[in-house]
Amino acid sequence: MQTTTIAQAKLRLSTSNVRKANGDAGLEALAASIAEHGLLQPLIVSPSRAKKTLYDVHAGGRRWRAIGLLIGRGVLAKDYAIDVRLCENEDAAAREISLAENLLREAMTPADEARAYKDIIVGGVDAEAVARRFGVTVRHVQGRLRLADLADPIFAALAAGEITLDVAMAYGSTADRERQQAAWERFSTSWQDRKSVV
């Protein structure tokens, strides 16, 4: 596969792309990320059989749509060229590439997201700017920042998947780390009484 750039208008979604549902889920957040950081991963395309002047997008359809949103809003130029990996053999590669990309992608864990937001905030950016950059609400960022400030054993349990996000958020309902720690010590040794977390 060769790497090149192709104008967004010359690209279209491939009918062989395996992602049929939730194609617009998180599109605003993705568009915000692309506007702030650029396209981090090229699309995978092949020449269209039906129309020789077009290219079919096999992997990266949501990125293509997000760039289309930005072009429509005037954030990016109408002739914006997208980084692509050009695959000449559509039949053999298209479904495999699309399936592999969609199966192997993992969402960031709440613990990793909390750490990342905290690192950005420590660098001198406020929660509103973080929310704008990543296309999420200020409330979402603030919630993740509360998780980043959990007492160490609670945060470690969240990061390890030993407690759910809901349980971690219950501990984070108070900023008092000593209360969090006391509740953690009580409930992590005796799970019979779960009436109140904090």
N, C-alpha and C. Protein backbone atom coordinates (compact mmCIF):
# COMPACT_ATOMS: atom_id res chain seq x y z
N MET A 1 0.84 -1.18 0.00
CA MET A 1 0.00 0.00 0.00
C MET A 1 0.88 1.24 0.00
N GLN A 2 0.54 2.21 -0.81
CA GLN A 2 1.27 3.47 -0.83
C GLN A 2 0.50 4.52 -0.04
N THR A 3 1.24 5.46 0.55
CA THR A 3 0.61 6.55 1.30
C THR A 3 0.58 7.78 0.42
N THR A 4 -0.57 8.45 0.38
CA THR A 4 -0.74 9.65 -0.43
C THR A 4 -1.83 10.52 0.19
N THR A 5 -2.25 11.57 -0.49
CA THR A 5 -3.38 12.38 -0.03
C THR A 5 -4.41 12.47 -1.15
N ILE A 6 -5.68 12.48 -0.76
CA ILE A 6 -6.79 12.59 -1.72
C ILE A 6 -7.81 13.56 -1.13
N ALA A 7 -8.37 14.41 -1.97
CA ALA A 7 -9.37 15.38 -1.51
C ALA A 7 -10.57 14.66 -0.92
N GLN A 8 -11.14 15.22 0.13
CA GLN A 8 -12.28 14.60 0.81
C GLN A 8 -13.43 14.37 -0.15
N ALA A 9 -13.64 15.27 -1.09
CA ALA A 9 -14.75 15.15 -2.03
C ALA A 9 -14.59 13.98 -3.00
N LYS A 10 -13.39 13.45 -3.14
CA LYS A 10 -13.15 12.33 -4.05
C LYS A 10 -13.24 10.98 -3.34
N LEU A 11 -13.60 11.03 -2.07
CA LEU A 11 -13.73 9.81 -1.27
C LEU A 11 -15.19 9.53 -0.98
N ARG A 12 -15.55 8.26 -0.87
CA ARG A 12 -16.90 7.87 -0.47
C ARG A 12 -16.80 6.60 0.35
N LEU A 13 -17.82 6.35 1.17
CA LEU A 13 -17.80 5.15 2.01
C LEU A 13 -17.94 3.91 1.16
N SER A 14 -17.16 2.90 1.47
CA SER A 14 -17.22 1.63 0.77
C SER A 14 -18.43 0.84 1.26
N THR A 15 -19.09 0.16 0.35
CA THR A 15 -20.23 -0.69 0.75
C THR A 15 -19.75 -1.91 1.52
N SER A 16 -18.46 -2.22 1.44
CA SER A 16 -17.94 -3.40 2.15
C SER A 16 -17.47 -3.07 3.57
N ASN A 17 -17.58 -1.80 3.97
CA ASN A 17 -17.20 -1.44 5.33
C ASN A 17 -18.13 -2.15 6.30
N VAL A 18 -17.56 -2.85 7.28
CA VAL A 18 -18.38 -3.68 8.18
C VAL A 18 -19.14 -2.88 9.22
N ARG A 19 -18.75 -1.65 9.48
CA ARG A 19 -19.44 -0.85 10.49
C ARG A 19 -20.69 -0.26 9.85
N LYS A 20 -21.86 -0.80 10.22
CA LYS A 20 -23.13 -0.35 9.65
C LYS A 20 -23.94 0.48 10.65
N ALA A 21 -23.71 0.28 11.94
CA ALA A 21 -24.48 0.99 12.95
C ALA A 21 -23.55 1.93 13.73
N ASN A 22 -24.15 2.94 14.35
CA ASN A 22 -23.43 3.88 15.20
C ASN A 22 -22.29 4.61 14.50
N GLY A 23 -22.43 4.79 13.18
CA GLY A 23 -21.40 5.49 12.43
C GLY A 23 -21.24 6.93 12.84
N ASP A 24 -22.31 7.53 13.39
CA ASP A 24 -22.24 8.93 13.79
C ASP A 24 -21.97 9.10 15.28
N ALA A 25 -21.88 8.00 16.01
CA ALA A 25 -21.62 8.08 17.44
C ALA A 25 -20.25 8.70 17.68
N GLY A 26 -20.22 9.74 18.49
CA GLY A 26 -18.96 10.39 18.82
C GLY A 26 -18.37 11.23 17.71
N LEU A 27 -19.16 11.51 16.68
CA LEU A 27 -18.64 12.23 15.51
C LEU A 27 -18.20 13.65 15.88
N GLU A 28 -18.97 14.31 16.74
CA GLU A 28 -18.61 15.67 17.15
C GLU A 28 -17.27 15.67 17.90
N ALA A 29 -17.08 14.69 18.78
CA ALA A 29 -15.82 14.60 19.52
C ALA A 29 -14.66 14.32 18.57
N LEU A 30 -14.87 13.46 17.60
CA LEU A 30 -13.83 13.15 16.63
C LEU A 30 -13.50 14.37 15.79
N ALA A 31 -14.53 15.11 15.36
CA ALA A 31 -14.30 16.33 14.58
C ALA A 31 -13.50 17.35 15.39
N ALA A 32 -13.84 17.49 16.67
CA ALA A 32 -13.11 18.42 17.53
C ALA A 32 -11.65 18.02 17.67
N SER A 33 -11.41 16.72 17.80
CA SER A 33 -10.04 16.21 17.91
C SER A 33 -9.26 16.47 16.63
N ILE A 34 -9.87 16.21 15.48
CA ILE A 34 -9.19 16.44 14.20
C ILE A 34 -8.91 17.93 14.00
N ALA A 35 -9.87 18.78 14.38
CA ALA A 35 -9.66 20.23 14.26
C ALA A 35 -8.49 20.69 15.12
N GLU A 36 -8.36 20.09 16.28
CA GLU A 36 -7.31 20.51 17.22
C GLU A 36 -5.96 19.88 16.92
N HIS A 37 -5.97 18.57 16.58
CA HIS A 37 -4.71 17.82 16.48
C HIS A 37 -4.39 17.33 15.07
N GLY A 38 -5.32 17.47 14.14
CA GLY A 38 -5.12 16.93 12.80
C GLY A 38 -5.50 15.45 12.76
N LEU A 39 -5.42 14.88 11.58
CA LEU A 39 -5.74 13.46 11.40
C LEU A 39 -4.55 12.63 11.87
N LEU A 40 -4.76 11.79 12.86
CA LEU A 40 -3.65 11.03 13.44
C LEU A 40 -3.39 9.71 12.74
N GLN A 41 -4.39 9.21 12.02
CA GLN A 41 -4.26 7.90 11.36
C GLN A 41 -4.88 7.99 9.98
N PRO A 42 -4.14 7.58 8.94
CA PRO A 42 -4.68 7.71 7.58
C PRO A 42 -5.86 6.76 7.33
N LEU A 43 -6.69 7.15 6.38
CA LEU A 43 -7.79 6.29 5.93
C LEU A 43 -7.21 5.22 5.00
N ILE A 44 -7.91 4.11 4.88
CA ILE A 44 -7.50 3.07 3.93
C ILE A 44 -8.54 3.04 2.81
N VAL A 45 -8.07 3.24 1.58
CA VAL A 45 -8.97 3.40 0.44
C VAL A 45 -8.50 2.57 -0.75
N SER A 46 -9.40 2.40 -1.70
CA SER A 46 -9.04 1.78 -2.99
C SER A 46 -9.82 2.49 -4.09
N PRO A 47 -9.32 2.45 -5.33
CA PRO A 47 -10.07 3.07 -6.42
C PRO A 47 -11.46 2.45 -6.54
N SER A 48 -12.47 3.28 -6.77
CA SER A 48 -13.83 2.79 -6.92
C SER A 48 -13.99 2.11 -8.27
N ARG A 49 -14.65 0.97 -8.27
CA ARG A 49 -14.92 0.27 -9.53
C ARG A 49 -16.04 0.95 -10.30
N ALA A 50 -17.02 1.46 -9.55
CA ALA A 50 -18.20 2.04 -10.19
C ALA A 50 -17.90 3.39 -10.83
N LYS A 51 -17.07 4.18 -10.17
CA LYS A 51 -16.77 5.51 -10.69
C LYS A 51 -15.28 5.74 -10.58
N LYS A 52 -14.61 5.82 -11.71
CA LYS A 52 -13.14 5.84 -11.76
C LYS A 52 -12.52 7.07 -11.08
N THR A 53 -13.29 8.15 -10.93
CA THR A 53 -12.71 9.36 -10.33
C THR A 53 -12.82 9.36 -8.80
N LEU A 54 -13.47 8.35 -8.24
CA LEU A 54 -13.67 8.28 -6.79
C LEU A 54 -12.85 7.15 -6.16
N TYR A 55 -12.71 7.24 -4.84
CA TYR A 55 -12.03 6.20 -4.07
C TYR A 55 -12.95 5.77 -2.94
N ASP A 56 -13.01 4.46 -2.69
CA ASP A 56 -13.85 3.91 -1.63
C ASP A 56 -13.05 3.84 -0.32
N VAL A 57 -13.67 4.32 0.75
CA VAL A 57 -13.04 4.30 2.08
C VAL A 57 -13.43 3.00 2.76
N HIS A 58 -12.44 2.14 3.02
CA HIS A 58 -12.68 0.85 3.67
C HIS A 58 -12.47 0.93 5.18
N ALA A 59 -11.57 1.79 5.61
CA ALA A 59 -11.30 1.96 7.03
C ALA A 59 -11.08 3.44 7.29
N GLY A 60 -11.86 4.00 8.20
CA GLY A 60 -11.74 5.42 8.50
C GLY A 60 -12.96 6.22 8.10
N GLY A 61 -14.11 5.54 7.94
CA GLY A 61 -15.32 6.23 7.53
C GLY A 61 -15.75 7.32 8.50
N ARG A 62 -15.61 7.09 9.79
CA ARG A 62 -15.98 8.12 10.77
C ARG A 62 -15.04 9.31 10.67
N ARG A 63 -13.75 9.07 10.44
CA ARG A 63 -12.79 10.17 10.26
C ARG A 63 -13.14 10.97 9.01
N TRP A 64 -13.53 10.26 7.94
CA TRP A 64 -13.92 10.93 6.70
C TRP A 64 -15.16 11.81 6.93
N ARG A 65 -16.16 11.27 7.68
CA ARG A 65 -17.36 12.05 7.96
C ARG A 65 -17.05 13.26 8.85
N ALA A 66 -16.17 13.06 9.83
CA ALA A 66 -15.81 14.16 10.72
C ALA A 66 -15.11 15.28 9.95
N ILE A 67 -14.25 14.92 9.01
CA ILE A 67 -13.58 15.92 8.17
C ILE A 67 -14.62 16.62 7.30
N GLY A 68 -15.61 15.88 6.81
CA GLY A 68 -16.70 16.48 6.05
C GLY A 68 -17.46 17.52 6.87
N LEU A 69 -17.70 17.23 8.15
CA LEU A 69 -18.34 18.20 9.04
C LEU A 69 -17.51 19.47 9.15
N LEU A 70 -16.21 19.30 9.32
CA LEU A 70 -15.32 20.45 9.47
C LEU A 70 -15.26 21.27 8.19
N ILE A 71 -15.28 20.62 7.05
CA ILE A 71 -15.30 21.33 5.76
C ILE A 71 -16.62 22.10 5.63
N GLY A 72 -17.73 21.43 5.97
CA GLY A 72 -19.05 22.07 5.90
C GLY A 72 -19.16 23.29 6.79
N ARG A 73 -18.44 23.30 7.90
CA ARG A 73 -18.48 24.43 8.85
C ARG A 73 -17.44 25.50 8.52
N GLY A 74 -16.62 25.24 7.50
CA GLY A 74 -15.60 26.21 7.12
C GLY A 74 -14.34 26.15 7.96
N VAL A 75 -14.22 25.13 8.82
CA VAL A 75 -13.02 24.97 9.64
C VAL A 75 -11.85 24.50 8.77
N LEU A 76 -12.15 23.63 7.80
CA LEU A 76 -11.15 23.15 6.84
C LEU A 76 -11.56 23.61 5.45
N ALA A 77 -10.57 23.76 4.58
CA ALA A 77 -10.83 24.21 3.20
C ALA A 77 -11.63 23.16 2.43
N LYS A 78 -12.40 23.62 1.43
CA LYS A 78 -13.22 22.70 0.63
C LYS A 78 -12.39 21.66 -0.09
N ASP A 79 -11.16 22.00 -0.45
CA ASP A 79 -10.30 21.06 -1.18
C ASP A 79 -9.32 20.34 -0.25
N TYR A 80 -9.67 20.27 1.04
CA TYR A 80 -8.80 19.64 2.04
C TYR A 80 -8.43 18.22 1.61
N ALA A 81 -7.14 17.93 1.59
CA ALA A 81 -6.64 16.61 1.19
C ALA A 81 -6.39 15.76 2.44
N ILE A 82 -6.87 14.54 2.40
CA ILE A 82 -6.80 13.62 3.54
C ILE A 82 -5.68 12.61 3.30
N ASP A 83 -4.92 12.34 4.36
CA ASP A 83 -3.89 11.29 4.28
C ASP A 83 -4.57 9.94 4.14
N VAL A 84 -4.15 9.17 3.14
CA VAL A 84 -4.73 7.84 2.91
C VAL A 84 -3.63 6.83 2.61
N ARG A 85 -3.97 5.58 2.84
CA ARG A 85 -3.15 4.46 2.37
C ARG A 85 -3.94 3.84 1.23
N LEU A 86 -3.36 3.85 0.05
CA LEU A 86 -4.05 3.39 -1.15
C LEU A 86 -3.79 1.91 -1.38
N CYS A 87 -4.90 1.15 -1.40
CA CYS A 87 -4.85 -0.30 -1.60
C CYS A 87 -5.45 -0.60 -2.97
N GLU A 88 -4.69 -1.22 -3.85
CA GLU A 88 -5.17 -1.47 -5.21
C GLU A 88 -6.13 -2.67 -5.30
N ASN A 89 -5.98 -3.66 -4.41
CA ASN A 89 -6.77 -4.89 -4.49
C ASN A 89 -7.95 -4.82 -3.53
N GLU A 90 -9.07 -4.31 -3.99
CA GLU A 90 -10.25 -4.08 -3.14
C GLU A 90 -10.85 -5.37 -2.60
N ASP A 91 -11.06 -6.34 -3.45
CA ASP A 91 -11.77 -7.56 -3.05
C ASP A 91 -11.11 -8.27 -1.88
N ALA A 92 -9.82 -8.47 -1.98
CA ALA A 92 -9.12 -9.25 -0.96
C ALA A 92 -8.95 -8.46 0.33
N ALA A 93 -8.75 -7.16 0.22
CA ALA A 93 -8.35 -6.40 1.38
C ALA A 93 -9.46 -5.66 2.10
N ALA A 94 -10.48 -5.21 1.38
CA ALA A 94 -11.44 -4.27 1.95
C ALA A 94 -12.09 -4.76 3.23
N ARG A 95 -12.74 -5.91 3.20
CA ARG A 95 -13.43 -6.40 4.40
C ARG A 95 -12.47 -6.73 5.52
N GLU A 96 -11.34 -7.32 5.17
CA GLU A 96 -10.37 -7.67 6.19
C GLU A 96 -9.85 -6.44 6.91
N ILE A 97 -9.51 -5.41 6.13
CA ILE A 97 -8.99 -4.17 6.71
C ILE A 97 -10.04 -3.53 7.61
N SER A 98 -11.26 -3.41 7.11
CA SER A 98 -12.33 -2.79 7.87
C SER A 98 -12.62 -3.56 9.15
N LEU A 99 -12.70 -4.88 9.05
CA LEU A 99 -12.99 -5.70 10.22
C LEU A 99 -11.86 -5.60 11.24
N ALA A 100 -10.62 -5.69 10.77
CA ALA A 100 -9.48 -5.63 11.69
C ALA A 100 -9.45 -4.29 12.41
N GLU A 101 -9.66 -3.21 11.68
CA GLU A 101 -9.60 -1.89 12.31
C GLU A 101 -10.70 -1.73 13.35
N ASN A 102 -11.90 -2.20 13.06
CA ASN A 102 -13.01 -2.02 13.99
C ASN A 102 -12.98 -3.00 15.16
N LEU A 103 -12.45 -4.20 14.96
CA LEU A 103 -12.36 -5.17 16.04
C LEU A 103 -11.22 -4.86 17.00
N LEU A 104 -10.10 -4.39 16.47
CA LEU A 104 -8.92 -4.24 17.28
C LEU A 104 -8.86 -2.91 18.03
N ARG A 105 -9.73 -1.97 17.68
CA ARG A 105 -9.72 -0.68 18.35
C ARG A 105 -10.35 -0.83 19.73
N GLU A 106 -9.67 -0.31 20.73
CA GLU A 106 -10.20 -0.36 22.09
C GLU A 106 -10.42 1.05 22.60
N ALA A 107 -11.51 1.25 23.27
CA ALA A 107 -11.77 2.57 23.86
C ALA A 107 -10.81 2.79 25.02
N MET A 108 -10.46 4.03 25.26
CA MET A 108 -9.61 4.37 26.39
C MET A 108 -10.37 4.10 27.68
N THR A 109 -9.69 3.54 28.67
CA THR A 109 -10.35 3.28 29.94
C THR A 109 -10.60 4.59 30.68
N PRO A 110 -11.60 4.63 31.58
CA PRO A 110 -11.84 5.85 32.36
C PRO A 110 -10.61 6.28 33.16
N ALA A 111 -9.83 5.32 33.66
CA ALA A 111 -8.64 5.67 34.44
C ALA A 111 -7.60 6.35 33.55
N ASP A 112 -7.37 5.79 32.36
CA ASP A 112 -6.41 6.40 31.43
C ASP A 112 -6.88 7.78 30.99
N GLU A 113 -8.18 7.91 30.73
CA GLU A 113 -8.75 9.19 30.32
C GLU A 113 -8.58 10.22 31.45
N ALA A 114 -8.82 9.79 32.69
CA ALA A 114 -8.68 10.68 33.85
C ALA A 114 -7.24 11.18 33.98
N ARG A 115 -6.29 10.25 33.85
CA ARG A 115 -4.88 10.63 33.93
C ARG A 115 -4.51 11.62 32.83
N ALA A 116 -4.98 11.34 31.62
CA ALA A 116 -4.65 12.20 30.47
C ALA A 116 -5.20 13.60 30.67
N TYR A 117 -6.46 13.72 31.09
CA TYR A 117 -7.05 15.04 31.32
C TYR A 117 -6.29 15.78 32.43
N LYS A 118 -5.94 15.06 33.49
CA LYS A 118 -5.23 15.70 34.60
C LYS A 118 -3.88 16.22 34.13
N ASP A 119 -3.16 15.43 33.32
CA ASP A 119 -1.86 15.87 32.81
C ASP A 119 -2.00 17.13 31.97
N ILE A 120 -3.07 17.21 31.17
CA ILE A 120 -3.29 18.40 30.34
C ILE A 120 -3.61 19.60 31.22
N ILE A 121 -4.45 19.39 32.24
CA ILE A 121 -4.82 20.47 33.16
C ILE A 121 -3.59 20.98 33.91
N VAL A 122 -2.74 20.06 34.36
CA VAL A 122 -1.52 20.43 35.07
C VAL A 122 -0.62 21.28 34.16
N GLY A 123 -0.71 21.04 32.86
CA GLY A 123 0.06 21.82 31.89
C GLY A 123 -0.45 23.23 31.69
N GLY A 124 -1.53 23.61 32.38
CA GLY A 124 -2.00 24.98 32.33
C GLY A 124 -3.23 25.23 31.49
N VAL A 125 -3.98 24.18 31.15
CA VAL A 125 -5.20 24.33 30.37
C VAL A 125 -6.39 24.10 31.29
N ASP A 126 -7.48 24.86 31.10
CA ASP A 126 -8.65 24.65 31.97
C ASP A 126 -9.59 23.60 31.39
N ALA A 127 -10.57 23.19 32.22
CA ALA A 127 -11.49 22.11 31.84
C ALA A 127 -12.30 22.47 30.60
N GLU A 128 -12.66 23.74 30.45
CA GLU A 128 -13.42 24.16 29.27
C GLU A 128 -12.62 23.96 27.99
N ALA A 129 -11.33 24.31 28.03
CA ALA A 129 -10.48 24.14 26.85
C ALA A 129 -10.29 22.66 26.52
N VAL A 130 -10.14 21.83 27.55
CA VAL A 130 -10.01 20.39 27.32
C VAL A 130 -11.28 19.84 26.68
N ALA A 131 -12.42 20.24 27.21
CA ALA A 131 -13.71 19.79 26.66
C ALA A 131 -13.84 20.19 25.20
N ARG A 132 -13.46 21.43 24.89
CA ARG A 132 -13.56 21.92 23.51
C ARG A 132 -12.62 21.13 22.59
N ARG A 133 -11.42 20.86 23.05
CA ARG A 133 -10.44 20.15 22.22
C ARG A 133 -10.88 18.73 21.87
N PHE A 134 -11.54 18.07 22.81
CA PHE A 134 -11.87 16.66 22.62
C PHE A 134 -13.35 16.41 22.37
N GLY A 135 -14.13 17.48 22.22
CA GLY A 135 -15.53 17.34 21.86
C GLY A 135 -16.38 16.65 22.91
N VAL A 136 -16.06 16.89 24.19
CA VAL A 136 -16.86 16.34 25.29
C VAL A 136 -17.37 17.51 26.11
N THR A 137 -18.24 17.23 27.06
CA THR A 137 -18.77 18.30 27.90
C THR A 137 -17.78 18.64 29.02
N VAL A 138 -17.91 19.84 29.54
CA VAL A 138 -17.09 20.26 30.69
C VAL A 138 -17.39 19.34 31.87
N ARG A 139 -18.64 18.98 32.03
CA ARG A 139 -19.03 18.09 33.13
C ARG A 139 -18.32 16.74 33.03
N HIS A 140 -18.20 16.22 31.79
CA HIS A 140 -17.49 14.95 31.58
C HIS A 140 -16.04 15.08 32.02
N VAL A 141 -15.39 16.16 31.61
CA VAL A 141 -13.99 16.39 31.99
C VAL A 141 -13.87 16.50 33.51
N GLN A 142 -14.76 17.26 34.14
CA GLN A 142 -14.72 17.43 35.59
C GLN A 142 -14.92 16.10 36.31
N GLY A 143 -15.81 15.25 35.77
CA GLY A 143 -16.03 13.93 36.36
C GLY A 143 -14.78 13.07 36.29
N ARG A 144 -14.10 13.12 35.15
CA ARG A 144 -12.86 12.34 35.01
C ARG A 144 -11.76 12.90 35.91
N LEU A 145 -11.75 14.21 36.09
CA LEU A 145 -10.75 14.81 36.97
C LEU A 145 -10.99 14.38 38.42
N ARG A 146 -12.27 14.23 38.81
CA ARG A 146 -12.56 13.71 40.16
C ARG A 146 -12.01 12.29 40.31
N LEU A 147 -12.11 11.50 39.25
CA LEU A 147 -11.55 10.15 39.30
C LEU A 147 -10.04 10.19 39.46
N ALA A 148 -9.39 11.14 38.78
CA ALA A 148 -7.93 11.24 38.86
C ALA A 148 -7.48 11.59 40.27
N ASP A 149 -8.38 12.19 41.07
CA ASP A 149 -8.03 12.57 42.44
C ASP A 149 -8.50 11.56 43.49
N LEU A 150 -8.91 10.38 43.06
CA LEU A 150 -9.30 9.34 44.01
C LEU A 150 -8.10 8.90 44.84
N ALA A 151 -8.38 8.42 46.04
CA ALA A 151 -7.31 7.84 46.87
C ALA A 151 -6.62 6.74 46.06
N ASP A 152 -5.32 6.60 46.26
CA ASP A 152 -4.50 5.72 45.43
C ASP A 152 -5.03 4.30 45.26
N PRO A 153 -5.43 3.60 46.34
CA PRO A 153 -5.88 2.22 46.14
C PRO A 153 -7.18 2.13 45.33
N ILE A 154 -8.02 3.15 45.43
CA ILE A 154 -9.28 3.15 44.68
C ILE A 154 -8.99 3.37 43.21
N PHE A 155 -8.11 4.34 42.91
CA PHE A 155 -7.75 4.60 41.52
C PHE A 155 -7.07 3.38 40.92
N ALA A 156 -6.20 2.73 41.70
CA ALA A 156 -5.51 1.53 41.21
C ALA A 156 -6.52 0.42 40.90
N ALA A 157 -7.55 0.29 41.74
CA ALA A 157 -8.58 -0.74 41.50
C ALA A 157 -9.37 -0.42 40.24
N LEU A 158 -9.66 0.87 40.00
CA LEU A 158 -10.35 1.26 38.78
C LEU A 158 -9.48 0.96 37.57
N ALA A 159 -8.22 1.33 37.64
CA ALA A 159 -7.29 1.11 36.51
C ALA A 159 -7.15 -0.38 36.21
N ALA A 160 -7.19 -1.21 37.24
CA ALA A 160 -7.03 -2.66 37.05
C ALA A 160 -8.34 -3.35 36.68
N GLY A 161 -9.44 -2.59 36.67
CA GLY A 161 -10.74 -3.19 36.34
C GLY A 161 -11.36 -3.96 37.48
N GLU A 162 -10.88 -3.73 38.69
CA GLU A 162 -11.39 -4.45 39.86
C GLU A 162 -12.68 -3.83 40.40
N ILE A 163 -12.92 -2.56 40.07
CA ILE A 163 -14.18 -1.91 40.41
C ILE A 163 -14.72 -1.24 39.16
N THR A 164 -16.02 -1.03 39.14
CA THR A 164 -16.65 -0.41 37.97
C THR A 164 -16.51 1.11 38.03
N LEU A 165 -16.79 1.74 36.91
CA LEU A 165 -16.79 3.20 36.85
C LEU A 165 -17.79 3.77 37.84
N ASP A 166 -18.98 3.17 37.94
CA ASP A 166 -20.00 3.66 38.87
C ASP A 166 -19.51 3.63 40.31
N VAL A 167 -18.84 2.55 40.69
CA VAL A 167 -18.32 2.45 42.06
C VAL A 167 -17.26 3.52 42.29
N ALA A 168 -16.36 3.69 41.32
CA ALA A 168 -15.32 4.71 41.44
C ALA A 168 -15.93 6.10 41.56
N MET A 169 -16.98 6.36 40.78
CA MET A 169 -17.63 7.67 40.83
C MET A 169 -18.30 7.89 42.19
N ALA A 170 -18.81 6.81 42.78
CA ALA A 170 -19.42 6.94 44.12
C ALA A 170 -18.35 7.35 45.13
N TYR A 171 -17.18 6.74 45.05
CA TYR A 171 -16.09 7.15 45.94
C TYR A 171 -15.70 8.60 45.67
N GLY A 172 -15.73 9.00 44.41
CA GLY A 172 -15.34 10.35 44.02
C GLY A 172 -16.38 11.41 44.33
N SER A 173 -17.53 11.01 44.88
CA SER A 173 -18.56 11.99 45.23
C SER A 173 -18.11 12.90 46.36
N THR A 174 -17.06 12.52 47.06
CA THR A 174 -16.43 13.40 48.03
C THR A 174 -14.98 13.62 47.61
N ALA A 175 -14.49 14.84 47.79
CA ALA A 175 -13.10 15.14 47.47
C ALA A 175 -12.17 14.79 48.63
N ASP A 176 -12.76 14.41 49.77
CA ASP A 176 -12.00 14.08 50.97
C ASP A 176 -11.37 12.70 50.79
N ARG A 177 -10.08 12.67 50.50
CA ARG A 177 -9.39 11.40 50.23
C ARG A 177 -9.32 10.52 51.48
N GLU A 178 -9.31 11.13 52.65
CA GLU A 178 -9.29 10.33 53.88
C GLU A 178 -10.60 9.57 54.04
N ARG A 179 -11.73 10.23 53.75
CA ARG A 179 -13.03 9.54 53.80
C ARG A 179 -13.09 8.44 52.75
N GLN A 180 -12.59 8.73 51.57
CA GLN A 180 -12.54 7.71 50.51
C GLN A 180 -11.75 6.49 51.00
N GLN A 181 -10.57 6.77 51.55
CA GLN A 181 -9.68 5.70 52.01
C GLN A 181 -10.35 4.88 53.12
N ALA A 182 -11.01 5.56 54.06
CA ALA A 182 -11.67 4.86 55.16
C ALA A 182 -12.79 3.97 54.63
N ALA A 183 -13.58 4.50 53.70
CA ALA A 183 -14.66 3.70 53.11
C ALA A 183 -14.08 2.53 52.33
N TRP A 184 -13.01 2.77 51.61
CA TRP A 184 -12.37 1.71 50.83
C TRP A 184 -11.89 0.59 51.74
N GLU A 185 -11.24 0.94 52.83
CA GLU A 185 -10.73 -0.07 53.75
C GLU A 185 -11.87 -0.87 54.38
N ARG A 186 -12.96 -0.18 54.68
CA ARG A 186 -14.10 -0.88 55.28
C ARG A 186 -14.75 -1.83 54.28
N PHE A 187 -14.99 -1.34 53.05
CA PHE A 187 -15.74 -2.15 52.08
C PHE A 187 -14.89 -3.15 51.33
N SER A 188 -13.60 -2.88 51.18
CA SER A 188 -12.78 -3.83 50.45
C SER A 188 -12.46 -5.07 51.28
N THR A 189 -12.57 -4.96 52.60
CA THR A 189 -12.34 -6.13 53.45
C THR A 189 -13.64 -6.84 53.81
N SER A 190 -14.76 -6.10 53.78
CA SER A 190 -16.05 -6.71 54.10
C SER A 190 -17.11 -6.20 53.13
N TRP A 191 -17.48 -7.04 52.20
CA TRP A 191 -18.43 -6.64 51.15
C TRP A 191 -19.88 -6.96 51.53
N GLN A 192 -20.13 -7.29 52.82
CA GLN A 192 -21.50 -7.60 53.18
C GLN A 192 -22.35 -6.33 53.29
N ASP A 193 -21.76 -5.26 53.80
CA ASP A 193 -22.53 -4.03 54.00
C ASP A 193 -22.21 -3.04 52.90
N ARG A 194 -23.13 -2.93 51.92
CA ARG A 194 -22.89 -2.03 50.81
C ARG A 194 -23.92 -0.90 50.79
N LYS A 195 -24.46 -0.56 51.95
CA LYS A 195 -25.53 0.43 51.98
C LYS A 195 -25.03 1.81 51.54
N SER A 196 -23.80 2.17 51.94
CA SER A 196 -23.29 3.47 51.51
C SER A 196 -21.81 3.30 51.20
N VAL A 197 -21.37 4.01 50.19
CA VAL A 197 -19.99 3.87 49.76
C VAL A 197 -19.13 4.92 50.46
N VAL A 198 -19.65 6.12 50.58
CA VAL A 198 -18.85 7.19 51.17
C VAL A 198 -19.63 7.79 52.33
